[in-house]
Protein backbone atom coordinates (compact mmCIF):
# COMPACT_ATOMS: atom_id res chain seq x y z
CA MET A 1 0.00 0.00 0.00
CA THR A 2 1.41 3.37 -1.01
CA THR A 3 1.56 6.00 1.77
CA ILE A 4 2.03 9.69 1.11
CA SER A 5 1.59 12.97 2.94
CA GLN A 6 -1.63 14.92 2.44
CA GLU A 7 0.23 18.23 2.59
CA ASP A 8 2.70 17.05 -0.08
CA VAL A 9 -0.20 16.22 -2.41
CA ILE A 10 -1.85 19.60 -1.87
CA ARG A 11 1.40 21.46 -2.51
CA SER A 12 2.19 19.37 -5.59
CA VAL A 13 -1.25 19.97 -7.07
CA ALA A 14 -1.04 23.69 -6.38
CA ASP A 15 2.47 24.02 -7.82
CA SER A 16 1.67 21.96 -10.91
CA LEU A 17 -1.58 23.77 -11.53
CA GLN A 18 0.07 27.14 -11.28
CA PHE A 19 2.91 26.19 -13.60
CA ILE A 20 0.77 24.70 -16.36
CA SER A 21 -1.63 27.63 -16.14
CA TYR A 22 1.16 30.18 -16.53
CA TYR A 23 3.15 28.74 -19.40
CA HIS A 24 2.31 27.26 -22.79
CA PRO A 25 4.83 24.84 -24.37
CA ALA A 26 7.33 26.60 -26.63
CA ASP A 27 6.43 24.46 -29.66
CA TYR A 28 2.76 25.36 -29.19
CA ILE A 29 3.56 29.10 -29.19
CA ALA A 30 5.84 28.67 -32.21
CA ALA A 31 3.11 26.80 -34.11
CA LEU A 32 0.56 29.49 -33.25
CA GLY A 33 2.99 32.14 -34.50
CA GLU A 34 3.36 30.35 -37.82
CA ALA A 35 -0.41 29.92 -38.05
CA TYR A 36 -0.86 33.63 -37.44
CA LYS A 37 1.51 34.48 -40.29
CA ALA A 38 -0.21 32.09 -42.69
CA GLU A 39 -3.82 32.88 -41.76
CA GLU A 40 -5.71 34.89 -44.39
CA SER A 41 -8.98 35.41 -42.51
CA ALA A 42 -8.94 38.66 -40.55
CA ALA A 43 -11.26 37.27 -37.87
CA ALA A 44 -9.19 34.11 -37.40
CA LYS A 45 -6.00 36.15 -37.36
CA ASP A 46 -7.43 38.34 -34.57
CA ALA A 47 -8.41 35.25 -32.58
CA ILE A 48 -4.91 33.78 -32.84
CA ALA A 49 -3.40 37.12 -31.87
CA GLN A 50 -5.60 37.22 -28.76
CA ILE A 51 -4.45 33.74 -27.73
CA LEU A 52 -0.81 34.76 -28.15
CA THR A 53 -1.41 37.94 -26.16
CA ASN A 54 -3.13 36.05 -23.35
CA SER A 55 -0.30 33.53 -23.27
CA ARG A 56 2.29 36.30 -22.93
CA LEU A 57 0.27 37.96 -20.14
CA CYS A 58 0.04 34.63 -18.32
CA ALA A 59 3.80 34.11 -18.42
CA GLU A 60 4.71 37.69 -17.53
CA GLY A 61 2.17 38.18 -14.76
CA HIS A 62 2.05 34.62 -13.38
CA ARG A 63 -1.70 34.82 -13.66
CA PRO A 64 -3.77 31.93 -15.01
CA ILE A 65 -5.96 32.91 -17.95
CA CYS A 66 -8.36 30.74 -19.92
CA GLN A 67 -9.04 32.01 -23.42
CA ASP A 68 -12.82 31.58 -23.06
CA THR A 69 -13.59 32.14 -19.39
CA GLY A 70 -10.67 34.04 -17.91
CA ILE A 71 -10.09 31.36 -15.26
CA VAL A 72 -7.97 28.24 -15.08
CA VAL A 73 -9.78 24.91 -15.14
CA ALA A 74 -8.29 21.59 -14.08
CA PHE A 75 -9.46 18.36 -12.53
CA VAL A 76 -7.90 16.46 -9.64
CA ARG A 77 -8.62 12.75 -9.53
CA ILE A 78 -7.71 10.99 -6.28
CA GLY A 79 -6.96 7.27 -6.44
CA MET A 80 -8.76 5.74 -3.50
CA ASP A 81 -6.13 2.98 -3.08
CA VAL A 82 -3.77 5.65 -1.73
CA ARG A 83 -3.38 5.85 2.03
CA PHE A 84 -1.95 8.95 3.70
CA ASP A 85 0.86 8.86 6.23
CA ASP A 86 -0.08 10.60 9.51
CA ALA A 87 -3.29 11.97 7.96
CA THR A 88 -4.85 14.88 9.81
CA MET A 89 -7.92 15.15 7.56
CA SER A 90 -10.56 12.75 6.34
CA GLU A 91 -10.60 12.11 2.61
CA ILE A 92 -13.50 14.51 2.11
CA GLU A 93 -11.78 17.20 4.18
CA PHE A 94 -8.63 16.59 2.14
CA LEU A 95 -10.48 17.10 -1.14
CA ARG A 96 -11.99 20.33 0.14
CA ALA A 97 -8.53 21.53 1.20
CA ILE A 98 -7.17 20.85 -2.31
CA VAL A 99 -10.00 22.81 -3.90
CA ARG A 100 -9.70 25.67 -1.44
CA ARG A 101 -5.95 26.06 -1.82
CA THR A 102 -5.62 25.43 -5.57
CA GLY A 103 -8.92 26.57 -7.07
CA CYS A 104 -9.16 23.37 -9.10
CA GLY A 105 -12.21 21.28 -9.91
CA LEU A 106 -12.88 17.63 -9.06
CA LEU A 107 -13.68 14.57 -11.12
CA LEU A 108 -16.09 12.15 -9.45
CA ASP A 109 -15.67 8.51 -10.54
CA VAL A 110 -18.88 6.90 -9.27
CA ASN A 111 -17.90 3.34 -10.17
CA ASN A 112 -14.61 3.76 -8.32
CA VAL A 113 -16.50 4.94 -5.24
CA PHE A 114 -18.67 1.81 -5.31
CA VAL A 115 -15.72 -0.53 -5.94
CA GLN A 116 -13.71 0.90 -3.06
CA ALA A 117 -16.74 0.92 -0.77
CA VAL A 118 -17.17 -2.82 -1.27
CA ASN A 119 -13.45 -3.55 -1.02
CA HIS A 120 -12.78 -1.37 2.03
CA GLY A 121 -16.11 -1.61 3.85
CA PHE A 122 -17.70 1.83 3.87
CA GLU A 123 -21.11 3.11 2.77
CA PRO A 124 -20.94 4.55 -0.76
CA GLU A 125 -24.13 6.56 -0.23
CA THR A 126 -22.56 8.33 2.76
CA TYR A 127 -19.47 9.11 0.69
CA ILE A 128 -21.52 10.53 -2.20
CA ASP A 129 -23.60 12.62 0.21
CA ALA A 130 -20.46 14.15 1.77
CA PHE A 131 -18.51 14.64 -1.47
CA PRO A 132 -17.89 18.34 -2.33
CA ILE A 133 -20.24 18.07 -5.28
CA GLU A 134 -20.29 21.81 -5.90
CA HIS A 135 -16.72 21.54 -7.18
CA VAL A 136 -17.30 18.59 -9.52
CA GLY A 137 -16.70 19.42 -13.17
CA GLU A 138 -17.16 15.93 -14.62
CA ILE A 139 -18.50 12.53 -13.58
CA HIS A 140 -17.19 9.15 -14.76
CA LEU A 141 -19.09 5.88 -14.96
CA GLY A 142 -17.81 2.42 -15.79
CA GLY A 143 -18.13 -1.28 -15.18
CA HIS A 144 -16.27 -3.56 -12.80
CA ALA A 145 -15.35 -7.21 -12.50
CA GLU A 146 -16.28 -9.39 -9.53
CA ASP A 147 -13.71 -11.60 -7.79
CA ILE A 148 -12.96 -13.16 -4.41
CA ASP A 149 -10.19 -11.96 -2.10
CA ASP A 150 -7.74 -14.32 -0.41
CA ASP A 151 -9.86 -14.31 2.75
CA GLY A 152 -13.00 -15.22 0.80
CA SER A 153 -14.55 -11.74 0.86
CA ALA A 154 -15.91 -9.99 -2.22
CA LEU A 155 -13.35 -8.17 -4.32
CA LEU A 156 -14.32 -5.75 -7.09
CA ILE A 157 -11.92 -4.66 -9.83
CA ASP A 158 -12.48 -1.36 -11.64
CA ASP A 159 -11.71 -2.83 -15.07
CA HIS A 160 -13.88 -0.73 -17.43
CA GLY A 161 -14.85 -3.96 -19.16
CA HIS A 162 -18.46 -4.57 -18.17
CA GLU A 163 -21.86 -2.92 -18.18
CA ILE A 164 -22.45 -0.41 -15.39
CA ALA A 165 -23.91 -2.19 -12.35
CA ASP A 166 -27.31 -1.17 -10.98
CA PRO A 167 -25.86 0.04 -7.62
CA VAL A 168 -23.53 2.34 -9.55
CA TRP A 169 -26.45 3.77 -11.53
CA LYS A 170 -28.24 4.46 -8.25
CA LEU A 171 -25.17 6.26 -6.88
CA TYR A 172 -24.96 8.27 -10.09
CA ALA A 173 -28.59 9.36 -9.74
CA ARG A 174 -27.92 10.22 -6.10
CA ALA A 175 -24.95 12.39 -7.08
CA MET A 176 -26.98 14.06 -9.83
CA ALA A 177 -29.72 14.85 -7.34
CA ARG A 178 -27.16 16.92 -5.44
CA SER A 179 -25.24 18.45 -8.31
CA GLY A 180 -27.67 18.88 -11.15
CA PRO A 181 -26.70 17.80 -14.67
CA LYS A 182 -22.95 17.31 -15.14
CA PRO A 183 -20.83 16.24 -18.13
CA THR A 184 -20.58 12.46 -17.87
CA LEU A 185 -18.09 10.04 -19.43
CA ILE A 186 -18.74 6.30 -19.64
CA GLU A 187 -15.42 4.44 -19.59
CA TRP A 188 -15.29 1.12 -21.45
CA ASP A 189 -11.70 0.25 -22.35
CA ASN A 190 -11.62 -3.57 -22.21
CA ASP A 191 -13.75 -6.18 -23.99
CA VAL A 192 -15.57 -3.41 -25.83
CA PRO A 193 -19.02 -4.68 -26.91
CA GLU A 194 -21.08 -3.89 -29.97
CA TRP A 195 -22.31 -0.34 -30.50
CA LEU A 196 -25.88 -0.99 -29.35
CA VAL A 197 -24.68 -2.00 -25.88
CA LEU A 198 -22.62 1.17 -25.54
CA PHE A 199 -25.49 3.27 -26.88
CA ALA A 200 -27.88 1.76 -24.33
CA GLU A 201 -25.53 2.75 -21.51
CA ALA A 202 -25.30 6.30 -22.86
CA GLN A 203 -29.10 6.50 -23.15
CA ARG A 204 -29.49 5.43 -19.53
CA ALA A 205 -27.12 8.18 -18.42
CA ASP A 206 -28.98 10.68 -20.63
CA ALA A 207 -32.28 9.69 -19.02
CA ILE A 208 -30.93 10.37 -15.52
CA ILE A 209 -29.50 13.72 -16.66
CA ALA A 210 -32.81 14.67 -18.32
CA ASP A 211 -34.77 13.70 -15.22
CA ARG A 212 -32.51 15.80 -13.03
CA ARG A 213 -32.75 18.74 -15.45
CA SER A 214 -36.55 18.46 -15.38
CA ASN A 215 -36.69 18.29 -11.58
CA HIS A 216 -34.29 21.21 -11.31
CA GLY A 217 -36.53 23.27 -13.57
CA ARG A 218 -39.55 22.64 -11.32
CA SER A 219 -37.68 23.40 -8.08
């Protein structure tokens, strides 16, 4: 089991986020410069010039700037197999500390929550209810494989190779009830089935999103 310091993670996330939000790669800036020279459309040329200007202001002022929104956007995904050495905060408190000190957003992997709840013996509903949902920018869904641990207890493996289990769908709906509609990605990387199976999974997610959007409109 890997053990790390909570404070080290927070500082690493903050430092990395600041660096990548200040500076664009040199080859990217060079390519944009060449595109600017070659572009014949006045509107497109102005757009490229604005990107180059924003990039220069970022680097000179050490101030994150997003071309569209004026803010930096990033996601922090925490692997739940990690255990912290001498932890002073719960996992939820730790996530809130990362958001507070870095300004980043969070990715909520609902299948991973369920898998780890079964494997480590906690209530997934309680975790979803406490999760800082207001900072979630994206939700992931996926399937898992079922196995047996050495001591005979249930062991789930987040393998992205099966249909999404009913308990995971229920957790997803529970999260949506708190957050409202959120961009959702269904991960299926192994033993990919025929298109109709994938489409059915996407339709089920769409139905939950639509139901939440409808309920939100009436509230």
